[in-house]
Amino acid sequence: MYSKQFETNRNYNSSRVIVEGGIDMLDEQEINKIRKVIEQEFPNDIALQQIHIARKIIAREAEMKGLKYLDYIKILTKDIKTIQ
């Protein structure tokens, strides 16, 4: 019972975070590839999986925009500060 619930929550949460985060640059297929690789690297730790999935997605977005990872993060945080 726990593993089924865990599996369902894991898939739901991953998809939900991606949708709410407004990630429109990557298609669902590419995100699923990232997720599968990370799940194999960290099979028993969902927290690490989510952190690394997010990092990989951000790194991929930065690459698609022709920016370095840290430069892209600075732009994202600057936008967040402007909104607040």
N, C-alpha and C. Protein backbone atom coordinates (compact mmCIF):
# COMPACT_ATOMS: atom_id res chain seq x y z
N MET A 1 0.82 -1.19 0.00
CA MET A 1 0.00 0.00 0.00
C MET A 1 0.87 1.26 0.00
N TYR A 2 1.85 1.31 0.85
CA TYR A 2 2.70 2.51 0.93
C TYR A 2 3.42 2.76 -0.39
N SER A 3 3.98 1.71 -0.99
CA SER A 3 4.74 1.91 -2.22
C SER A 3 3.86 2.39 -3.35
N LYS A 4 2.61 1.90 -3.43
CA LYS A 4 1.70 2.38 -4.46
C LYS A 4 1.38 3.85 -4.24
N GLN A 5 1.08 4.20 -3.02
CA GLN A 5 0.77 5.59 -2.71
C GLN A 5 1.99 6.47 -2.96
N PHE A 6 3.14 6.00 -2.57
CA PHE A 6 4.39 6.74 -2.78
C PHE A 6 4.62 6.96 -4.27
N GLU A 7 4.44 5.91 -5.06
CA GLU A 7 4.66 5.99 -6.51
C GLU A 7 3.69 7.01 -7.12
N THR A 8 2.43 6.94 -6.72
CA THR A 8 1.44 7.86 -7.26
C THR A 8 1.78 9.30 -6.88
N ASN A 9 2.10 9.51 -5.61
CA ASN A 9 2.44 10.87 -5.17
C ASN A 9 3.69 11.38 -5.87
N ARG A 10 4.67 10.51 -6.06
CA ARG A 10 5.90 10.94 -6.71
C ARG A 10 5.62 11.41 -8.12
N ASN A 11 4.87 10.64 -8.88
CA ASN A 11 4.57 11.02 -10.26
C ASN A 11 3.71 12.28 -10.30
N TYR A 12 2.74 12.36 -9.44
CA TYR A 12 1.86 13.53 -9.40
C TYR A 12 2.65 14.78 -9.03
N ASN A 13 3.44 14.69 -7.97
CA ASN A 13 4.18 15.86 -7.52
C ASN A 13 5.17 16.33 -8.58
N SER A 14 5.88 15.42 -9.22
CA SER A 14 6.85 15.81 -10.23
C SER A 14 6.16 16.56 -11.36
N SER A 15 5.05 16.01 -11.84
CA SER A 15 4.33 16.66 -12.93
C SER A 15 3.77 17.99 -12.50
N ARG A 16 3.24 18.03 -11.30
CA ARG A 16 2.61 19.25 -10.80
C ARG A 16 3.63 20.38 -10.64
N VAL A 17 4.77 20.07 -10.11
CA VAL A 17 5.81 21.09 -9.94
C VAL A 17 6.23 21.64 -11.30
N ILE A 18 6.37 20.76 -12.26
CA ILE A 18 6.79 21.18 -13.59
C ILE A 18 5.75 22.11 -14.21
N VAL A 19 4.47 21.75 -14.09
CA VAL A 19 3.42 22.57 -14.68
C VAL A 19 3.31 23.91 -13.97
N GLU A 20 3.30 23.90 -12.63
CA GLU A 20 3.17 25.14 -11.89
C GLU A 20 4.38 26.03 -12.06
N GLY A 21 5.54 25.43 -12.30
CA GLY A 21 6.75 26.22 -12.46
C GLY A 21 6.78 26.98 -13.77
N GLY A 22 5.86 26.69 -14.67
CA GLY A 22 5.79 27.41 -15.93
C GLY A 22 6.87 26.99 -16.91
N ILE A 23 7.30 25.78 -16.83
CA ILE A 23 8.34 25.31 -17.74
C ILE A 23 7.70 25.02 -19.09
N ASP A 24 7.89 25.93 -20.00
CA ASP A 24 7.28 25.77 -21.31
C ASP A 24 8.32 25.50 -22.38
N MET A 25 9.59 25.56 -22.03
CA MET A 25 10.63 25.36 -23.02
C MET A 25 10.89 23.89 -23.31
N LEU A 26 10.68 23.04 -22.33
CA LEU A 26 10.95 21.62 -22.49
C LEU A 26 9.64 20.88 -22.68
N ASP A 27 9.64 19.94 -23.61
CA ASP A 27 8.43 19.15 -23.78
C ASP A 27 8.39 18.03 -22.75
N GLU A 28 7.23 17.44 -22.61
CA GLU A 28 7.01 16.41 -21.59
C GLU A 28 7.93 15.21 -21.79
N GLN A 29 8.20 14.87 -23.04
CA GLN A 29 9.07 13.73 -23.34
C GLN A 29 10.49 13.96 -22.81
N GLU A 30 11.01 15.15 -23.01
CA GLU A 30 12.35 15.47 -22.54
C GLU A 30 12.41 15.48 -21.01
N ILE A 31 11.38 16.00 -20.38
CA ILE A 31 11.31 16.01 -18.93
C ILE A 31 11.25 14.58 -18.39
N ASN A 32 10.49 13.73 -19.05
CA ASN A 32 10.40 12.33 -18.62
C ASN A 32 11.74 11.62 -18.75
N LYS A 33 12.50 11.93 -19.79
CA LYS A 33 13.85 11.35 -19.93
C LYS A 33 14.73 11.76 -18.76
N ILE A 34 14.70 13.03 -18.42
CA ILE A 34 15.49 13.53 -17.29
C ILE A 34 15.07 12.82 -16.01
N ARG A 35 13.77 12.71 -15.81
CA ARG A 35 13.24 12.09 -14.60
C ARG A 35 13.70 10.64 -14.49
N LYS A 36 13.65 9.89 -15.57
CA LYS A 36 14.04 8.48 -15.55
C LYS A 36 15.53 8.31 -15.22
N VAL A 37 16.36 9.16 -15.79
CA VAL A 37 17.80 9.08 -15.51
C VAL A 37 18.06 9.36 -14.03
N ILE A 38 17.43 10.39 -13.52
CA ILE A 38 17.64 10.77 -12.12
C ILE A 38 17.09 9.70 -11.18
N GLU A 39 15.96 9.12 -11.51
CA GLU A 39 15.40 8.06 -10.67
C GLU A 39 16.35 6.86 -10.59
N GLN A 40 17.07 6.59 -11.65
CA GLN A 40 18.05 5.49 -11.63
C GLN A 40 19.26 5.86 -10.78
N GLU A 41 19.65 7.12 -10.81
CA GLU A 41 20.81 7.56 -10.03
C GLU A 41 20.50 7.59 -8.53
N PHE A 42 19.27 7.94 -8.17
CA PHE A 42 18.86 8.05 -6.76
C PHE A 42 17.56 7.26 -6.56
N PRO A 43 17.63 5.94 -6.61
CA PRO A 43 16.41 5.13 -6.62
C PRO A 43 15.59 5.19 -5.33
N ASN A 44 16.18 5.47 -4.22
CA ASN A 44 15.45 5.40 -2.95
C ASN A 44 15.33 6.73 -2.23
N ASP A 45 15.59 7.82 -2.92
CA ASP A 45 15.55 9.12 -2.26
C ASP A 45 14.80 10.13 -3.12
N ILE A 46 13.52 10.28 -2.85
CA ILE A 46 12.69 11.16 -3.66
C ILE A 46 13.10 12.63 -3.54
N ALA A 47 13.59 13.03 -2.38
CA ALA A 47 14.01 14.43 -2.20
C ALA A 47 15.18 14.76 -3.12
N LEU A 48 16.17 13.89 -3.15
CA LEU A 48 17.30 14.10 -4.06
C LEU A 48 16.86 14.05 -5.51
N GLN A 49 15.94 13.17 -5.82
CA GLN A 49 15.43 13.08 -7.19
C GLN A 49 14.83 14.41 -7.61
N GLN A 50 13.98 14.98 -6.78
CA GLN A 50 13.31 16.23 -7.15
C GLN A 50 14.30 17.39 -7.30
N ILE A 51 15.28 17.43 -6.41
CA ILE A 51 16.29 18.49 -6.50
C ILE A 51 17.07 18.36 -7.80
N HIS A 52 17.51 17.15 -8.12
CA HIS A 52 18.31 16.96 -9.32
C HIS A 52 17.50 17.10 -10.60
N ILE A 53 16.24 16.70 -10.56
CA ILE A 53 15.38 16.92 -11.73
C ILE A 53 15.25 18.42 -11.99
N ALA A 54 15.01 19.18 -10.95
CA ALA A 54 14.88 20.64 -11.10
C ALA A 54 16.18 21.24 -11.64
N ARG A 55 17.31 20.81 -11.09
CA ARG A 55 18.60 21.33 -11.56
C ARG A 55 18.83 21.00 -13.04
N LYS A 56 18.51 19.77 -13.43
CA LYS A 56 18.71 19.37 -14.84
C LYS A 56 17.80 20.18 -15.76
N ILE A 57 16.57 20.41 -15.34
CA ILE A 57 15.65 21.19 -16.16
C ILE A 57 16.16 22.62 -16.32
N ILE A 58 16.58 23.21 -15.22
CA ILE A 58 17.11 24.58 -15.28
C ILE A 58 18.36 24.65 -16.14
N ALA A 59 19.24 23.65 -15.99
CA ALA A 59 20.46 23.62 -16.80
C ALA A 59 20.13 23.49 -18.28
N ARG A 60 19.14 22.69 -18.59
CA ARG A 60 18.74 22.50 -20.00
C ARG A 60 18.13 23.78 -20.56
N GLU A 61 17.31 24.46 -19.75
CA GLU A 61 16.74 25.74 -20.20
C GLU A 61 17.84 26.77 -20.45
N ALA A 62 18.82 26.83 -19.56
CA ALA A 62 19.93 27.76 -19.73
C ALA A 62 20.68 27.45 -21.02
N GLU A 63 20.92 26.18 -21.25
CA GLU A 63 21.61 25.76 -22.48
C GLU A 63 20.82 26.17 -23.71
N MET A 64 19.51 26.00 -23.67
CA MET A 64 18.65 26.35 -24.82
C MET A 64 18.66 27.85 -25.08
N LYS A 65 18.88 28.65 -24.03
CA LYS A 65 18.93 30.11 -24.20
C LYS A 65 20.35 30.61 -24.45
N GLY A 66 21.30 29.68 -24.47
CA GLY A 66 22.68 30.06 -24.73
C GLY A 66 23.37 30.71 -23.54
N LEU A 67 22.90 30.41 -22.35
CA LEU A 67 23.46 31.00 -21.14
C LEU A 67 24.15 29.94 -20.29
N LYS A 68 25.04 30.41 -19.42
CA LYS A 68 25.62 29.51 -18.43
C LYS A 68 24.60 29.32 -17.32
N TYR A 69 24.72 28.19 -16.62
CA TYR A 69 23.77 27.84 -15.56
C TYR A 69 23.61 28.96 -14.54
N LEU A 70 24.72 29.45 -13.99
CA LEU A 70 24.63 30.48 -12.95
C LEU A 70 24.08 31.81 -13.47
N ASP A 71 24.40 32.15 -14.70
CA ASP A 71 23.85 33.38 -15.29
C ASP A 71 22.34 33.28 -15.43
N TYR A 72 21.87 32.11 -15.82
CA TYR A 72 20.43 31.89 -15.97
C TYR A 72 19.75 31.96 -14.61
N ILE A 73 20.37 31.38 -13.58
CA ILE A 73 19.82 31.45 -12.22
C ILE A 73 19.72 32.91 -11.76
N LYS A 74 20.74 33.70 -12.05
CA LYS A 74 20.72 35.11 -11.67
C LYS A 74 19.55 35.85 -12.33
N ILE A 75 19.31 35.53 -13.59
CA ILE A 75 18.19 36.15 -14.31
C ILE A 75 16.87 35.74 -13.67
N LEU A 76 16.73 34.46 -13.36
CA LEU A 76 15.49 33.98 -12.74
C LEU A 76 15.25 34.63 -11.38
N THR A 77 16.28 34.72 -10.57
CA THR A 77 16.10 35.33 -9.25
C THR A 77 15.85 36.82 -9.34
N LYS A 78 16.44 37.46 -10.33
CA LYS A 78 16.19 38.89 -10.55
C LYS A 78 14.72 39.11 -10.90
N ASP A 79 14.17 38.23 -11.74
CA ASP A 79 12.75 38.33 -12.11
C ASP A 79 11.86 38.12 -10.90
N ILE A 80 12.23 37.20 -10.03
CA ILE A 80 11.42 36.92 -8.84
C ILE A 80 11.44 38.12 -7.89
N LYS A 81 12.59 38.74 -7.72
CA LYS A 81 12.70 39.91 -6.86
C LYS A 81 11.87 41.06 -7.40
N THR A 82 11.80 41.19 -8.71
CA THR A 82 11.03 42.25 -9.34
C THR A 82 9.55 42.05 -9.07
N ILE A 83 9.09 40.83 -9.10
CA ILE A 83 7.68 40.51 -8.87
C ILE A 83 7.27 40.82 -7.44
N GLN A 84 8.16 40.54 -6.50
CA GLN A 84 7.83 40.76 -5.09
C GLN A 84 7.80 42.23 -4.83
